[in-house]
Amino acid sequence: MKKLTLFIVSDSVGETAELVAKAAASQYGQGLETVLLKRFSHIEDETQLKEIAFLAQQQQAVIIYTLVKSAMRTRLKDECRDKNIPCIDLLGPVVDQLGKELDEEPMEEPGLVRKLDDDYFKKIEAIEFAVKYDDGRDPRGILKADIVLIGVSRTSKTPLSQYLAHKRYNVANVPLVPEVEPPEELFNIDPAKCFALTISPEKLNTIRKERLIVLGLKDDANYARLDRIEEEIEHFQKVTDKIGCKVIDVTNRAVEETANVILGSINK
């Protein structure tokens, strides 16, 4: 039975190289007594490579590395050759081949994968937040949100919440109805992060009628009547005046345009 020592060398965390090393070593379970893995993370100095190569020579280790900088890969390869150490470059051949295909030089910046992963998970968390606190389901979301949207029904609060979530903002939205008191949380937040969406009564009347038809209902229901809409907008104006938040007219605006107005405001 043999013992195997693997040195994992990376200019980032080294998780990728370690996973590959474990997957490969697992194919030799019968011939191996033990597998010892030592991870050397965030290696960005060539002098460190010399020290690692010396240790690998002393411990008869195999070096497996993921280094994005070509100069670092070359230095480690030279150190391994001079000391007769077996080494495996996991990243270099792939980076070089992609560079040829794209006719582009790589950025050679460590840790970009982790940045992409963090960005992806932030987006997923923001989308889940928007779903959880959509349509005033839980007023506690108002206090946690980066952006709070308020407005009467059919003013694009939900699609706007999702659009902003894809920009990695936590968004809660609350419908305003005359018969229901607004959540107290609305009056306890910074007005600068609250945005009220308004729309012309005529446009809203058309949108609501179309909505009723889609649902298989008559378009003359109270929900779509102009006098009811005007009552809702009057209530909306009282609430927004009390909060002191920015009011955005979405009558002739696409979701993307409204989002740009909001982002421009909060980024000032």
Protein backbone atom coordinates (compact mmCIF):
# COMPACT_ATOMS: atom_id res chain seq x y z
CA MET A 1 0.00 0.00 0.00
CA LYS A 2 1.28 3.44 -0.92
CA LYS A 3 1.00 6.84 0.67
CA LEU A 4 0.31 9.84 -1.50
CA THR A 5 1.02 13.46 -0.60
CA LEU A 6 -0.59 16.14 -2.72
CA PHE A 7 0.25 19.85 -2.51
CA ILE A 8 -2.61 22.04 -3.73
CA VAL A 9 -1.26 25.42 -4.85
CA SER A 10 -3.54 28.30 -5.84
CA ASP A 11 -3.49 32.08 -6.08
CA SER A 12 -7.10 31.99 -4.83
CA VAL A 13 -8.73 29.64 -2.32
CA GLY A 14 -7.74 26.40 -4.05
CA GLU A 15 -11.10 24.64 -3.80
CA THR A 16 -11.18 23.73 -7.50
CA ALA A 17 -7.77 22.04 -7.47
CA GLU A 18 -8.55 20.20 -4.24
CA LEU A 19 -11.83 18.83 -5.60
CA VAL A 20 -10.11 17.61 -8.77
CA ALA A 21 -7.28 16.06 -6.73
CA LYS A 22 -9.74 14.22 -4.48
CA ALA A 23 -11.76 13.00 -7.45
CA ALA A 24 -8.62 11.64 -9.12
CA ALA A 25 -7.21 10.06 -5.96
CA SER A 26 -10.52 8.33 -5.25
CA GLN A 27 -9.97 6.19 -8.35
CA TYR A 28 -7.01 4.48 -6.65
CA GLY A 29 -8.57 3.58 -3.31
CA GLN A 30 -7.34 -0.03 -3.39
CA GLY A 31 -3.71 0.86 -3.98
CA LEU A 32 -3.53 3.74 -1.52
CA GLU A 33 -3.20 3.52 2.23
CA THR A 34 -3.56 7.26 2.86
CA VAL A 35 -3.86 10.47 0.85
CA LEU A 36 -2.50 13.60 2.49
CA LEU A 37 -3.59 16.90 0.99
CA LYS A 38 -1.95 20.19 1.91
CA ARG A 39 -3.49 23.35 0.52
CA PHE A 40 -1.41 26.50 -0.15
CA SER A 41 -3.90 29.31 -0.81
CA HIS A 42 -3.49 32.89 -2.05
CA ILE A 43 0.02 32.32 -3.39
CA GLU A 44 0.94 35.46 -5.31
CA ASP A 45 4.71 35.74 -4.75
CA GLU A 46 7.24 33.73 -6.75
CA THR A 47 9.46 33.30 -3.68
CA GLN A 48 6.61 31.35 -2.08
CA LEU A 49 6.69 28.94 -4.99
CA LYS A 50 10.34 28.19 -4.34
CA GLU A 51 9.59 27.36 -0.70
CA ILE A 52 6.62 25.15 -1.67
CA ALA A 53 8.76 23.28 -4.20
CA PHE A 54 11.42 22.70 -1.55
CA LEU A 55 8.82 21.26 0.85
CA ALA A 56 7.36 19.10 -1.89
CA GLN A 57 10.82 17.69 -2.63
CA GLN A 58 11.38 16.90 1.05
CA GLN A 59 7.98 15.19 1.41
CA GLN A 60 7.95 13.55 -2.03
CA ALA A 61 4.70 15.30 -2.88
CA VAL A 62 2.91 15.83 -6.16
CA ILE A 63 2.04 19.48 -6.82
CA ILE A 64 -1.34 20.26 -8.36
CA TYR A 65 -1.86 23.91 -9.09
CA THR A 66 -4.33 26.50 -10.36
CA LEU A 67 -2.46 29.75 -10.98
CA VAL A 68 -3.97 32.35 -13.31
CA LYS A 69 -0.76 34.32 -13.89
CA SER A 70 1.36 32.77 -16.63
CA ALA A 71 4.59 34.00 -14.99
CA MET A 72 3.68 32.16 -11.78
CA ARG A 73 2.85 28.97 -13.70
CA THR A 74 6.15 29.12 -15.53
CA ARG A 75 8.11 29.71 -12.32
CA LEU A 76 6.46 26.80 -10.53
CA LYS A 77 6.98 24.52 -13.53
CA ASP A 78 10.68 25.45 -13.60
CA GLU A 79 11.06 24.84 -9.86
CA CYS A 80 9.43 21.43 -10.20
CA ARG A 81 11.61 20.49 -13.16
CA ASP A 82 14.82 21.54 -11.38
CA LYS A 83 13.89 19.54 -8.27
CA ASN A 84 12.42 16.60 -10.19
CA ILE A 85 8.97 17.09 -8.62
CA PRO A 86 5.88 15.81 -10.45
CA CYS A 87 3.44 18.67 -11.04
CA ILE A 88 0.09 19.12 -12.77
CA ASP A 89 -1.17 22.41 -14.17
CA LEU A 90 -4.97 22.27 -14.09
CA LEU A 91 -5.74 25.79 -15.27
CA GLY A 92 -2.99 26.88 -17.66
CA PRO A 93 -3.82 24.67 -20.68
CA VAL A 94 -7.50 25.63 -20.51
CA VAL A 95 -6.76 29.35 -20.20
CA ASP A 96 -4.27 29.21 -23.08
CA GLN A 97 -6.66 27.34 -25.37
CA LEU A 98 -9.54 29.72 -24.63
CA GLY A 99 -7.23 32.65 -25.34
CA LYS A 100 -6.50 31.20 -28.78
CA GLU A 101 -10.17 30.62 -29.50
CA LEU A 102 -11.19 34.10 -28.36
CA ASP A 103 -8.08 35.84 -29.71
CA GLU A 104 -7.86 37.67 -26.40
CA GLU A 105 -5.39 37.97 -23.53
CA PRO A 106 -6.62 36.73 -20.13
CA MET A 107 -6.94 39.25 -17.28
CA GLU A 108 -4.81 37.03 -15.00
CA GLU A 109 -6.65 38.28 -11.92
CA PRO A 110 -7.00 35.74 -9.08
CA GLY A 111 -10.36 35.14 -7.42
CA LEU A 112 -12.66 36.12 -10.29
CA VAL A 113 -14.62 32.86 -10.06
CA ARG A 114 -15.43 33.55 -6.43
CA LYS A 115 -16.53 37.08 -7.33
CA LEU A 116 -18.85 35.66 -9.99
CA ASP A 117 -20.23 33.11 -7.53
CA ASP A 118 -20.85 35.79 -4.88
CA ASP A 119 -22.58 37.96 -7.45
CA TYR A 120 -24.79 35.06 -8.56
CA PHE A 121 -25.84 34.16 -5.04
CA LYS A 122 -26.60 37.79 -4.18
CA LYS A 123 -28.90 37.90 -7.19
CA ILE A 124 -30.68 34.68 -6.15
CA GLU A 125 -31.13 35.99 -2.60
CA ALA A 126 -32.58 39.26 -3.93
CA ILE A 127 -35.03 37.39 -6.19
CA GLU A 128 -36.15 35.22 -3.27
CA PHE A 129 -36.54 38.35 -1.14
CA ALA A 130 -38.75 40.00 -3.79
CA VAL A 131 -40.99 36.92 -3.93
CA LYS A 132 -41.23 36.62 -0.14
CA TYR A 133 -42.15 40.26 0.38
CA ASP A 134 -44.27 40.76 -2.73
CA ASP A 135 -47.68 42.44 -2.53
CA GLY A 136 -47.36 43.31 1.17
CA ARG A 137 -47.32 39.67 2.33
CA ASP A 138 -45.08 40.39 5.29
CA PRO A 139 -44.61 43.99 6.51
CA ARG A 140 -41.34 43.00 8.19
CA GLY A 141 -39.75 43.00 4.73
CA ILE A 142 -40.27 46.76 4.53
CA LEU A 143 -37.67 47.30 7.26
CA LYS A 144 -35.20 44.88 5.68
CA ALA A 145 -35.52 46.09 2.09
CA ASP A 146 -33.09 48.25 0.14
CA ILE A 147 -36.02 49.61 -1.89
CA VAL A 148 -39.74 49.75 -1.05
CA LEU A 149 -42.35 50.21 -3.77
CA ILE A 150 -45.89 51.34 -3.07
CA GLY A 151 -48.85 51.96 -5.33
CA VAL A 152 -52.37 50.95 -6.24
CA SER A 153 -53.04 47.67 -8.00
CA ARG A 154 -51.62 47.21 -11.54
CA THR A 155 -48.85 49.82 -11.38
CA SER A 156 -46.11 47.26 -12.20
CA LYS A 157 -44.88 46.85 -8.62
CA THR A 158 -44.16 43.11 -8.94
CA PRO A 159 -42.31 43.15 -12.32
CA LEU A 160 -40.35 46.18 -11.15
CA SER A 161 -39.41 44.36 -7.93
CA GLN A 162 -38.13 41.39 -9.94
CA TYR A 163 -36.20 43.62 -12.34
CA LEU A 164 -34.47 45.40 -9.44
CA ALA A 165 -33.81 42.04 -7.76
CA HIS A 166 -31.81 41.02 -10.82
CA LYS A 167 -29.73 44.11 -10.10
CA ARG A 168 -29.13 42.59 -6.62
CA TYR A 169 -31.40 44.92 -4.65
CA ASN A 170 -33.72 43.59 -1.95
CA VAL A 171 -37.15 44.98 -2.83
CA ALA A 172 -40.45 44.85 -0.98
CA ASN A 173 -43.67 46.15 -2.48
CA VAL A 174 -46.94 47.14 -0.82
CA PRO A 175 -50.34 47.69 -2.46
CA LEU A 176 -52.36 50.68 -1.24
CA VAL A 177 -56.10 50.13 -0.84
CA PRO A 178 -58.50 52.66 0.79
CA GLU A 179 -60.12 49.97 2.94
CA VAL A 180 -56.83 48.76 4.41
CA GLU A 181 -54.55 50.79 6.66
CA PRO A 182 -50.97 50.91 5.31
CA PRO A 183 -48.41 48.97 7.38
CA GLU A 184 -46.93 51.09 10.17
CA GLU A 185 -43.48 50.07 8.93
CA LEU A 186 -43.93 52.35 5.89
CA PHE A 187 -43.79 55.38 8.18
CA ASN A 188 -40.72 54.14 10.06
CA ILE A 189 -38.29 53.82 7.16
CA ASP A 190 -36.06 56.33 5.42
CA PRO A 191 -38.34 57.99 2.81
CA ALA A 192 -35.37 58.02 0.41
CA LYS A 193 -35.66 54.27 -0.12
CA CYS A 194 -39.43 54.34 -0.68
CA PHE A 195 -40.85 54.99 -4.14
CA ALA A 196 -44.52 55.56 -4.91
CA LEU A 197 -45.77 54.51 -8.34
CA THR A 198 -48.61 56.53 -9.78
CA ILE A 199 -50.47 56.25 -13.08
CA SER A 200 -53.17 58.18 -14.91
CA PRO A 201 -56.73 57.05 -14.08
CA GLU A 202 -57.52 56.54 -17.76
CA LYS A 203 -54.51 54.31 -18.36
CA LEU A 204 -55.22 52.30 -15.20
CA ASN A 205 -58.84 51.93 -16.23
CA THR A 206 -57.73 50.36 -19.53
CA ILE A 207 -55.18 48.06 -17.85
CA ARG A 208 -57.69 46.82 -15.28
CA LYS A 209 -60.39 46.18 -17.87
CA GLU A 210 -57.94 44.07 -19.88
CA ARG A 211 -56.99 42.21 -16.71
CA LEU A 212 -60.62 41.36 -15.96
CA ILE A 213 -61.15 40.07 -19.49
CA VAL A 214 -58.08 37.83 -19.20
CA LEU A 215 -59.56 36.42 -15.98
CA GLY A 216 -62.84 35.73 -17.78
CA LEU A 217 -64.75 38.43 -15.88
CA LYS A 218 -66.86 41.36 -17.02
CA ASP A 219 -64.90 44.55 -17.54
CA ASP A 220 -67.45 46.71 -15.74
CA ALA A 221 -66.60 45.38 -12.26
CA ASN A 222 -65.96 47.91 -9.48
CA TYR A 223 -62.21 47.13 -9.74
CA ALA A 224 -62.05 48.81 -13.16
CA ARG A 225 -64.55 51.63 -12.67
CA LEU A 226 -63.09 55.11 -13.08
CA ASP A 227 -64.64 56.50 -9.89
CA ARG A 228 -63.16 53.61 -7.89
CA ILE A 229 -59.75 54.22 -9.44
CA GLU A 230 -59.89 57.91 -8.58
CA GLU A 231 -60.78 57.01 -4.99
CA GLU A 232 -57.74 54.72 -4.78
CA ILE A 233 -55.43 57.36 -6.23
CA GLU A 234 -56.70 59.93 -3.74
CA HIS A 235 -55.91 57.52 -0.90
CA PHE A 236 -52.51 56.83 -2.50
CA GLN A 237 -51.69 60.55 -2.50
CA LYS A 238 -52.55 60.91 1.19
CA VAL A 239 -50.25 58.04 2.10
CA THR A 240 -47.33 59.26 -0.02
CA ASP A 241 -47.67 62.77 1.40
CA LYS A 242 -47.46 61.32 4.90
CA ILE A 243 -44.37 59.23 4.06
CA GLY A 244 -42.69 62.03 2.11
CA CYS A 245 -41.30 59.67 -0.54
CA LYS A 246 -40.53 60.19 -4.20
CA VAL A 247 -43.49 59.73 -6.57
CA ILE A 248 -42.86 58.31 -10.05
CA ASP A 249 -45.44 58.48 -12.84
CA VAL A 250 -45.32 55.11 -14.64
CA THR A 251 -48.12 55.93 -17.11
CA ASN A 252 -45.90 55.88 -20.19
CA ARG A 253 -42.79 54.27 -18.73
CA ALA A 254 -41.42 50.79 -19.31
CA VAL A 255 -40.27 48.83 -16.25
CA GLU A 256 -36.64 49.41 -17.23
CA GLU A 257 -37.16 53.18 -17.40
CA THR A 258 -38.79 53.29 -13.98
CA ALA A 259 -35.98 51.17 -12.56
CA ASN A 260 -33.39 53.60 -13.94
CA VAL A 261 -35.16 56.51 -12.23
CA ILE A 262 -35.12 54.63 -8.91
CA LEU A 263 -31.49 53.54 -9.20
CA GLY A 264 -30.45 57.05 -10.20
CA SER A 265 -32.16 58.38 -7.09
CA ILE A 266 -30.72 55.92 -4.55
CA ASN A 267 -27.21 56.12 -6.02
CA LYS A 268 -26.94 59.86 -5.56
